[in-house]
Amino acid sequence: MTITEEATVTSKGQITIPKRIRDALDLEAGTDVEFELDDDGGLRLRRKRPAMDRLRDVQRTLSRHDVDLEAMRRESKRAWSSLDDGRST
């Protein structure tokens, strides 16, 4: 189903999301959303998924490609640790 609505950008860069679109996405006041701009200029608006859900998706994708997640975690921890060491000196 495609819904087409119009809106106007205010001088502060704000847009009111039309009611039909808010209803279709089940957006209420306080709902976090994210925008995705495609190379061709297309724009997507969607409800923002919780960070843990997104991380689980990344984990599933990496595990399908035979990536050692524990090695990545250890390397990340070492890298962050070295940054902390550099700041304290």
PDB file of N, CA and C in Angstrom:
ATOM      1  N   MET A   1       0.842  -1.172   0.000  1.00  0.00           N
ATOM      2  CA  MET A   1       0.000   0.000   0.000  1.00  0.00           C
ATOM      3  C   MET A   1       0.893   1.243   0.000  1.00  0.00           C
ATOM      4  N   THR A   2       0.677   2.121  -0.899  1.00  0.00           N
ATOM      5  CA  THR A   2       1.401   3.378  -0.976  1.00  0.00           C
ATOM      6  C   THR A   2       0.506   4.499  -0.488  1.00  0.00           C
ATOM      7  N   ILE A   3       1.042   5.316   0.396  1.00  0.00           N
ATOM      8  CA  ILE A   3       0.325   6.491   0.890  1.00  0.00           C
ATOM      9  C   ILE A   3       1.127   7.710   0.465  1.00  0.00           C
ATOM     10  N   THR A   4       0.483   8.630  -0.178  1.00  0.00           N
ATOM     11  CA  THR A   4       1.133   9.870  -0.589  1.00  0.00           C
ATOM     12  C   THR A   4       0.455  11.028   0.114  1.00  0.00           C
ATOM     13  N   GLU A   5       1.244  11.813   0.818  1.00  0.00           N
ATOM     14  CA  GLU A   5       0.751  12.996   1.515  1.00  0.00           C
ATOM     15  C   GLU A   5       1.750  14.118   1.295  1.00  0.00           C
ATOM     16  N   GLU A   6       1.316  15.333   1.475  1.00  0.00           N
ATOM     17  CA  GLU A   6       2.186  16.488   1.337  1.00  0.00           C
ATOM     18  C   GLU A   6       2.362  17.160   2.684  1.00  0.00           C
ATOM     19  N   ALA A   7       3.507  17.807   2.852  1.00  0.00           N
ATOM     20  CA  ALA A   7       3.784  18.578   4.059  1.00  0.00           C
ATOM     21  C   ALA A   7       4.720  19.716   3.665  1.00  0.00           C
ATOM     22  N   THR A   8       4.834  20.700   4.515  1.00  0.00           N
ATOM     23  CA  THR A   8       5.688  21.857   4.257  1.00  0.00           C
ATOM     24  C   THR A   8       6.754  21.932   5.333  1.00  0.00           C
ATOM     25  N   VAL A   9       7.971  22.199   4.926  1.00  0.00           N
ATOM     26  CA  VAL A   9       9.072  22.380   5.866  1.00  0.00           C
ATOM     27  C   VAL A   9       8.993  23.796   6.429  1.00  0.00           C
ATOM     28  N   THR A  10       9.052  23.907   7.759  1.00  0.00           N
ATOM     29  CA  THR A  10       9.016  25.228   8.399  1.00  0.00           C
ATOM     30  C   THR A  10      10.389  25.879   8.333  1.00  0.00           C
ATOM     31  N   SER A  11      10.463  27.125   8.757  1.00  0.00           N
ATOM     32  CA  SER A  11      11.743  27.841   8.760  1.00  0.00           C
ATOM     33  C   SER A  11      12.750  27.189   9.713  1.00  0.00           C
ATOM     34  N   LYS A  12      12.269  26.396  10.649  1.00  0.00           N
ATOM     35  CA  LYS A  12      13.144  25.685  11.586  1.00  0.00           C
ATOM     36  C   LYS A  12      13.485  24.272  11.091  1.00  0.00           C
ATOM     37  N   GLY A  13      13.062  23.942   9.880  1.00  0.00           N
ATOM     38  CA  GLY A  13      13.361  22.627   9.325  1.00  0.00           C
ATOM     39  C   GLY A  13      12.454  21.523   9.830  1.00  0.00           C
ATOM     40  N   GLN A  14      11.328  21.887  10.385  1.00  0.00           N
ATOM     41  CA  GLN A  14      10.411  20.898  10.939  1.00  0.00           C
ATOM     42  C   GLN A  14       9.300  20.571   9.947  1.00  0.00           C
ATOM     43  N   ILE A  15       8.817  19.345  10.051  1.00  0.00           N
ATOM     44  CA  ILE A  15       7.701  18.879   9.223  1.00  0.00           C
ATOM     45  C   ILE A  15       6.722  18.160  10.138  1.00  0.00           C
ATOM     46  N   THR A  16       5.454  18.428   9.966  1.00  0.00           N
ATOM     47  CA  THR A  16       4.437  17.655  10.661  1.00  0.00           C
ATOM     48  C   THR A  16       4.150  16.423   9.817  1.00  0.00           C
ATOM     49  N   ILE A  17       4.307  15.247  10.418  1.00  0.00           N
ATOM     50  CA  ILE A  17       4.022  14.008   9.693  1.00  0.00           C
ATOM     51  C   ILE A  17       2.507  13.897   9.571  1.00  0.00           C
ATOM     52  N   PRO A  18       2.003  13.800   8.340  1.00  0.00           N
ATOM     53  CA  PRO A  18       0.552  13.729   8.157  1.00  0.00           C
ATOM     54  C   PRO A  18      -0.072  12.573   8.941  1.00  0.00           C
ATOM     55  N   LYS A  19      -1.289  12.801   9.418  1.00  0.00           N
ATOM     56  CA  LYS A  19      -1.987  11.838  10.273  1.00  0.00           C
ATOM     57  C   LYS A  19      -2.095  10.458   9.647  1.00  0.00           C
ATOM     58  N   ARG A  20      -2.422  10.378   8.378  1.00  0.00           N
ATOM     59  CA  ARG A  20      -2.556   9.058   7.733  1.00  0.00           C
ATOM     60  C   ARG A  20      -1.249   8.272   7.821  1.00  0.00           C
ATOM     61  N   ILE A  21      -0.127   8.956   7.697  1.00  0.00           N
ATOM     62  CA  ILE A  21       1.173   8.285   7.771  1.00  0.00           C
ATOM     63  C   ILE A  21       1.496   7.936   9.221  1.00  0.00           C
ATOM     64  N   ARG A  22       1.219   8.845  10.163  1.00  0.00           N
ATOM     65  CA  ARG A  22       1.423   8.531  11.588  1.00  0.00           C
ATOM     66  C   ARG A  22       0.606   7.319  11.981  1.00  0.00           C
ATOM     67  N   ASP A  23      -0.629   7.269  11.533  1.00  0.00           N
ATOM     68  CA  ASP A  23      -1.489   6.129  11.858  1.00  0.00           C
ATOM     69  C   ASP A  23      -0.952   4.838  11.247  1.00  0.00           C
ATOM     70  N   ALA A  24      -0.526   4.900   9.992  1.00  0.00           N
ATOM     71  CA  ALA A  24      -0.027   3.706   9.307  1.00  0.00           C
ATOM     72  C   ALA A  24       1.234   3.156   9.976  1.00  0.00           C
ATOM     73  N   LEU A  25       2.074   4.061  10.516  1.00  0.00           N
ATOM     74  CA  LEU A  25       3.313   3.640  11.180  1.00  0.00           C
ATOM     75  C   LEU A  25       3.145   3.486  12.689  1.00  0.00           C
ATOM     76  N   ASP A  26       1.940   3.744  13.179  1.00  0.00           N
ATOM     77  CA  ASP A  26       1.648   3.692  14.611  1.00  0.00           C
ATOM     78  C   ASP A  26       2.607   4.592  15.391  1.00  0.00           C
ATOM     79  N   LEU A  27       2.758   5.822  14.929  1.00  0.00           N
ATOM     80  CA  LEU A  27       3.634   6.801  15.574  1.00  0.00           C
ATOM     81  C   LEU A  27       2.825   7.647  16.538  1.00  0.00           C
ATOM     82  N   GLU A  28       3.319   7.736  17.754  1.00  0.00           N
ATOM     83  CA  GLU A  28       2.693   8.578  18.762  1.00  0.00           C
ATOM     84  C   GLU A  28       3.731   9.581  19.249  1.00  0.00           C
ATOM     85  N   ALA A  29       3.295  10.572  19.991  1.00  0.00           N
ATOM     86  CA  ALA A  29       4.227  11.556  20.550  1.00  0.00           C
ATOM     87  C   ALA A  29       5.308  10.828  21.344  1.00  0.00           C
ATOM     88  N   GLY A  30       6.556  11.188  21.104  1.00  0.00           N
ATOM     89  CA  GLY A  30       7.667  10.568  21.811  1.00  0.00           C
ATOM     90  C   GLY A  30       8.276   9.366  21.116  1.00  0.00           C
ATOM     91  N   THR A  31       7.652   8.905  20.034  1.00  0.00           N
ATOM     92  CA  THR A  31       8.186   7.766  19.296  1.00  0.00           C
ATOM     93  C   THR A  31       9.453   8.187  18.560  1.00  0.00           C
ATOM     94  N   ASP A  32      10.528   7.406  18.714  1.00  0.00           N
ATOM     95  CA  ASP A  32      11.764   7.679  17.984  1.00  0.00           C
ATOM     96  C   ASP A  32      11.630   7.160  16.561  1.00  0.00           C
ATOM     97  N   VAL A  33      12.043   7.980  15.609  1.00  0.00           N
ATOM     98  CA  VAL A  33      12.003   7.590  14.197  1.00  0.00           C
ATOM     99  C   VAL A  33      13.388   7.801  13.597  1.00  0.00           C
ATOM    100  N   GLU A  34      13.612   7.196  12.453  1.00  0.00           N
ATOM    101  CA  GLU A  34      14.857   7.430  11.732  1.00  0.00           C
ATOM    102  C   GLU A  34      14.543   7.675  10.270  1.00  0.00           C
ATOM    103  N   PHE A  35      15.405   8.467   9.648  1.00  0.00           N
ATOM    104  CA  PHE A  35      15.279   8.809   8.239  1.00  0.00           C
ATOM    105  C   PHE A  35      16.411   8.122   7.490  1.00  0.00           C
ATOM    106  N   GLU A  36      16.110   7.627   6.314  1.00  0.00           N
ATOM    107  CA  GLU A  36      17.136   7.042   5.449  1.00  0.00           C
ATOM    108  C   GLU A  36      17.022   7.682   4.079  1.00  0.00           C
ATOM    109  N   LEU A  37      18.094   8.338   3.653  1.00  0.00           N
ATOM    110  CA  LEU A  37      18.137   9.006   2.359  1.00  0.00           C
ATOM    111  C   LEU A  37      18.915   8.134   1.381  1.00  0.00           C
ATOM    112  N   ASP A  38      18.255   7.706   0.301  1.00  0.00           N
ATOM    113  CA  ASP A  38      18.888   6.880  -0.719  1.00  0.00           C
ATOM    114  C   ASP A  38      19.724   7.745  -1.648  1.00  0.00           C
ATOM    115  N   ASP A  39      20.633   7.102  -2.370  1.00  0.00           N
ATOM    116  CA  ASP A  39      21.471   7.815  -3.336  1.00  0.00           C
ATOM    117  C   ASP A  39      20.637   8.510  -4.408  1.00  0.00           C
ATOM    118  N   ASP A  40      19.479   7.950  -4.726  1.00  0.00           N
ATOM    119  CA  ASP A  40      18.639   8.539  -5.774  1.00  0.00           C
ATOM    120  C   ASP A  40      17.711   9.633  -5.248  1.00  0.00           C
ATOM    121  N   GLY A  41      17.863  10.003  -3.960  1.00  0.00           N
ATOM    122  CA  GLY A  41      17.048  11.072  -3.386  1.00  0.00           C
ATOM    123  C   GLY A  41      15.783  10.597  -2.704  1.00  0.00           C
ATOM    124  N   GLY A  42      15.547   9.296  -2.710  1.00  0.00           N
ATOM    125  CA  GLY A  42      14.381   8.751  -2.017  1.00  0.00           C
ATOM    126  C   GLY A  42      14.578   8.822  -0.509  1.00  0.00           C
ATOM    127  N   LEU A  43      13.527   9.067   0.212  1.00  0.00           N
ATOM    128  CA  LEU A  43      13.594   9.203   1.660  1.00  0.00           C
ATOM    129  C   LEU A  43      12.650   8.206   2.302  1.00  0.00           C
ATOM    130  N   ARG A  44      13.151   7.497   3.303  1.00  0.00           N
ATOM    131  CA  ARG A  44      12.324   6.557   4.064  1.00  0.00           C
ATOM    132  C   ARG A  44      12.247   7.040   5.500  1.00  0.00           C
ATOM    133  N   LEU A  45      11.074   6.946   6.071  1.00  0.00           N
ATOM    134  CA  LEU A  45      10.850   7.254   7.480  1.00  0.00           C
ATOM    135  C   LEU A  45      10.343   5.983   8.118  1.00  0.00           C
ATOM    136  N   ARG A  46      10.949   5.591   9.229  1.00  0.00           N
ATOM    137  CA  ARG A  46      10.455   4.396   9.910  1.00  0.00           C
ATOM    138  C   ARG A  46      10.669   4.542  11.409  1.00  0.00           C
ATOM    139  N   ARG A  47       9.905   3.769  12.116  1.00  0.00           N
ATOM    140  CA  ARG A  47      10.044   3.708  13.567  1.00  0.00           C
ATOM    141  C   ARG A  47      11.441   3.169  13.866  1.00  0.00           C
ATOM    142  N   LYS A  48      12.135   3.806  14.787  1.00  0.00           N
ATOM    143  CA  LYS A  48      13.488   3.376  15.130  1.00  0.00           C
ATOM    144  C   LYS A  48      13.422   2.105  15.967  1.00  0.00           C
ATOM    145  N   ARG A  49      14.205   1.134  15.565  1.00  0.00           N
ATOM    146  CA  ARG A  49      14.244  -0.132  16.296  1.00  0.00           C
ATOM    147  C   ARG A  49      15.203  -0.015  17.473  1.00  0.00           C
ATOM    148  N   PRO A  50      14.897  -0.686  18.559  1.00  0.00           N
ATOM    149  CA  PRO A  50      15.796  -0.643  19.722  1.00  0.00           C
ATOM    150  C   PRO A  50      17.208  -1.113  19.349  1.00  0.00           C
ATOM    151  N   ALA A  51      18.202  -0.517  19.983  1.00  0.00           N
ATOM    152  CA  ALA A  51      19.601  -0.814  19.665  1.00  0.00           C
ATOM    153  C   ALA A  51      19.917  -2.301  19.800  1.00  0.00           C
ATOM    154  N   MET A  52      19.390  -2.957  20.812  1.00  0.00           N
ATOM    155  CA  MET A  52      19.681  -4.389  20.998  1.00  0.00           C
ATOM    156  C   MET A  52      19.116  -5.218  19.845  1.00  0.00           C
ATOM    157  N   ASP A  53      17.958  -4.857  19.328  1.00  0.00           N
ATOM    158  CA  ASP A  53      17.404  -5.570  18.171  1.00  0.00           C
ATOM    159  C   ASP A  53      18.316  -5.408  16.962  1.00  0.00           C
ATOM    160  N   ARG A  54      18.821  -4.183  16.755  1.00  0.00           N
ATOM    161  CA  ARG A  54      19.721  -3.943  15.624  1.00  0.00           C
ATOM    162  C   ARG A  54      21.026  -4.706  15.790  1.00  0.00           C
ATOM    163  N   LEU A  55      21.547  -4.754  17.023  1.00  0.00           N
ATOM    164  CA  LEU A  55      22.779  -5.502  17.272  1.00  0.00           C
ATOM    165  C   LEU A  55      22.587  -6.996  17.041  1.00  0.00           C
ATOM    166  N   ARG A  56      21.428  -7.514  17.428  1.00  0.00           N
ATOM    167  CA  ARG A  56      21.158  -8.940  17.174  1.00  0.00           C
ATOM    168  C   ARG A  56      21.130  -9.233  15.672  1.00  0.00           C
ATOM    169  N   ASP A  57      20.575  -8.318  14.893  1.00  0.00           N
ATOM    170  CA  ASP A  57      20.576  -8.486  13.436  1.00  0.00           C
ATOM    171  C   ASP A  57      21.997  -8.510  12.895  1.00  0.00           C
ATOM    172  N   VAL A  58      22.842  -7.620  13.396  1.00  0.00           N
ATOM    173  CA  VAL A  58      24.245  -7.593  12.964  1.00  0.00           C
ATOM    174  C   VAL A  58      24.922  -8.906  13.337  1.00  0.00           C
ATOM    175  N   GLN A  59      24.672  -9.367  14.556  1.00  0.00           N
ATOM    176  CA  GLN A  59      25.269 -10.623  15.004  1.00  0.00           C
ATOM    177  C   GLN A  59      24.845 -11.786  14.108  1.00  0.00           C
ATOM    178  N   ARG A  60      23.571 -11.864  13.776  1.00  0.00           N
ATOM    179  CA  ARG A  60      23.088 -12.940  12.891  1.00  0.00           C
ATOM    180  C   ARG A  60      23.751 -12.860  11.517  1.00  0.00           C
ATOM    181  N   THR A  61      23.863 -11.641  10.988  1.00  0.00           N
ATOM    182  CA  THR A  61      24.486 -11.469   9.671  1.00  0.00           C
ATOM    183  C   THR A  61      25.945 -11.896   9.701  1.00  0.00           C
ATOM    184  N   LEU A  62      26.673 -11.456  10.722  1.00  0.00           N
ATOM    185  CA  LEU A  62      28.089 -11.808  10.815  1.00  0.00           C
ATOM    186  C   LEU A  62      28.285 -13.305  11.012  1.00  0.00           C
ATOM    187  N   SER A  63      27.428 -13.931  11.811  1.00  0.00           N
ATOM    188  CA  SER A  63      27.587 -15.367  12.062  1.00  0.00           C
ATOM    189  C   SER A  63      27.356 -16.188  10.792  1.00  0.00           C
ATOM    190  N   ARG A  64      26.547 -15.681   9.879  1.00  0.00           N
ATOM    191  CA  ARG A  64      26.333 -16.393   8.603  1.00  0.00           C
ATOM    192  C   ARG A  64      27.546 -16.300   7.692  1.00  0.00           C
ATOM    193  N   HIS A  65      28.439 -15.366   7.983  1.00  0.00           N
ATOM    194  CA  HIS A  65      29.622 -15.170   7.147  1.00  0.00           C
ATOM    195  C   HIS A  65      30.888 -15.651   7.847  1.00  0.00           C
ATOM    196  N   ASP A  66      30.728 -16.557   8.806  1.00  0.00           N
ATOM    197  CA  ASP A  66      31.853 -17.190   9.494  1.00  0.00           C
ATOM    198  C   ASP A  66      32.803 -16.151  10.105  1.00  0.00           C
ATOM    199  N   VAL A  67      32.232 -15.142  10.770  1.00  0.00           N
ATOM    200  CA  VAL A  67      33.020 -14.117  11.441  1.00  0.00           C
ATOM    201  C   VAL A  67      33.139 -14.509  12.916  1.00  0.00           C
ATOM    202  N   ASP A  68      34.339 -14.430  13.464  1.00  0.00           N
ATOM    203  CA  ASP A  68      34.577 -14.760  14.864  1.00  0.00           C
ATOM    204  C   ASP A  68      34.187 -13.559  15.731  1.00  0.00           C
ATOM    205  N   LEU A  69      32.992 -13.601  16.276  1.00  0.00           N
ATOM    206  CA  LEU A  69      32.486 -12.473  17.062  1.00  0.00           C
ATOM    207  C   LEU A  69      33.282 -12.261  18.341  1.00  0.00           C
ATOM    208  N   GLU A  70      33.752 -13.343  18.957  1.00  0.00           N
ATOM    209  CA  GLU A  70      34.553 -13.196  20.177  1.00  0.00           C
ATOM    210  C   GLU A  70      35.870 -12.492  19.876  1.00  0.00           C
ATOM    211  N   ALA A  71      36.490 -12.821  18.751  1.00  0.00           N
ATOM    212  CA  ALA A  71      37.743 -12.148  18.368  1.00  0.00           C
ATOM    213  C   ALA A  71      37.474 -10.667  18.112  1.00  0.00           C
ATOM    214  N   MET A  72      36.355 -10.353  17.469  1.00  0.00           N
ATOM    215  CA  MET A  72      36.009  -8.953  17.234  1.00  0.00           C
ATOM    216  C   MET A  72      35.791  -8.225  18.557  1.00  0.00           C
ATOM    217  N   ARG A  73      35.127  -8.881  19.492  1.00  0.00           N
ATOM    218  CA  ARG A  73      34.869  -8.276  20.806  1.00  0.00           C
ATOM    219  C   ARG A  73      36.187  -7.998  21.535  1.00  0.00           C
ATOM    220  N   ARG A  74      37.107  -8.976  21.520  1.00  0.00           N
ATOM    221  CA  ARG A  74      38.396  -8.787  22.186  1.00  0.00           C
ATOM    222  C   ARG A  74      39.180  -7.643  21.547  1.00  0.00           C
ATOM    223  N   GLU A  75      39.205  -7.603  20.217  1.00  0.00           N
ATOM    224  CA  GLU A  75      39.928  -6.547  19.509  1.00  0.00           C
ATOM    225  C   GLU A  75      39.315  -5.173  19.803  1.00  0.00           C
ATOM    226  N   SER A  76      37.996  -5.122  19.834  1.00  0.00           N
ATOM    227  CA  SER A  76      37.311  -3.866  20.142  1.00  0.00           C
ATOM    228  C   SER A  76      37.655  -3.407  21.553  1.00  0.00           C
ATOM    229  N   LYS A  77      37.659  -4.343  22.487  1.00  0.00           N
ATOM    230  CA  LYS A  77      37.981  -4.004  23.874  1.00  0.00           C
ATOM    231  C   LYS A  77      39.412  -3.476  23.976  1.00  0.00           C
ATOM    232  N   ARG A  78      40.357  -4.127  23.254  1.00  0.00           N
ATOM    233  CA  ARG A  78      41.745  -3.659  23.245  1.00  0.00           C
ATOM    234  C   ARG A  78      41.849  -2.248  22.654  1.00  0.00           C
ATOM    235  N   ALA A  79      41.137  -2.018  21.548  1.00  0.00           N
ATOM    236  CA  ALA A  79      41.189  -0.709  20.892  1.00  0.00           C
ATOM    237  C   ALA A  79      40.643   0.382  21.802  1.00  0.00           C
ATOM    238  N   TRP A  80      39.504   0.133  22.455  1.00  0.00           N
ATOM    239  CA  TRP A  80      38.932   1.130  23.357  1.00  0.00           C
ATOM    240  C   TRP A  80      39.836   1.347  24.567  1.00  0.00           C
ATOM    241  N   SER A  81      40.449   0.280  25.043  1.00  0.00           N
ATOM    242  CA  SER A  81      41.349   0.387  26.179  1.00  0.00           C
ATOM    243  C   SER A  81      42.551   1.261  25.837  1.00  0.00           C
ATOM    244  N   SER A  82      43.086   1.101  24.637  1.00  0.00           N
ATOM    245  CA  SER A  82      44.237   1.914  24.239  1.00  0.00           C
ATOM    246  C   SER A  82      43.843   3.379  24.100  1.00  0.00           C
ATOM    247  N   LEU A  83      42.610   3.648  23.681  1.00  0.00           N
ATOM    248  CA  LEU A  83      42.149   5.045  23.615  1.00  0.00           C
ATOM    249  C   LEU A  83      42.073   5.640  25.013  1.00  0.00           C
ATOM    250  N   ASP A  84      41.545   4.862  25.967  1.00  0.00           N
ATOM    251  CA  ASP A  84      41.462   5.340  27.347  1.00  0.00           C
ATOM    252  C   ASP A  84      42.846   5.610  27.917  1.00  0.00           C
ATOM    253  N   ASP A  85      43.811   4.722  27.619  1.00  0.00           N
ATOM    254  CA  ASP A  85      45.180   4.912  28.110  1.00  0.00           C
ATOM    255  C   ASP A  85      45.781   6.187  27.552  1.00  0.00           C
ATOM    256  N   GLY A  86      45.509   6.481  26.285  1.00  0.00           N
ATOM    257  CA  GLY A  86      46.050   7.677  25.647  1.00  0.00           C
ATOM    258  C   GLY A  86      45.483   8.960  26.214  1.00  0.00           C
ATOM    259  N   ARG A  87      44.268   8.933  26.702  1.00  0.00           N
ATOM    260  CA  ARG A  87      43.637  10.136  27.257  1.00  0.00           C
ATOM    261  C   ARG A  87      44.119  10.456  28.654  1.00  0.00           C
ATOM    262  N   SER A  88      44.527   9.437  29.377  1.00  0.00           N
ATOM    263  CA  SER A  88      44.900   9.670  30.777  1.00  0.00           C
ATOM    264  C   SER A  88      46.320  10.177  30.924  1.00  0.00           C
ATOM    265  N   THR A  89      47.106  10.171  29.841  1.00  0.00           N
ATOM    266  CA  THR A  89      48.493  10.642  29.952  1.00  0.00           C
ATOM    267  C   THR A  89      48.617  12.082  29.560  1.00  0.00           C
TER     268      THR A  89
END
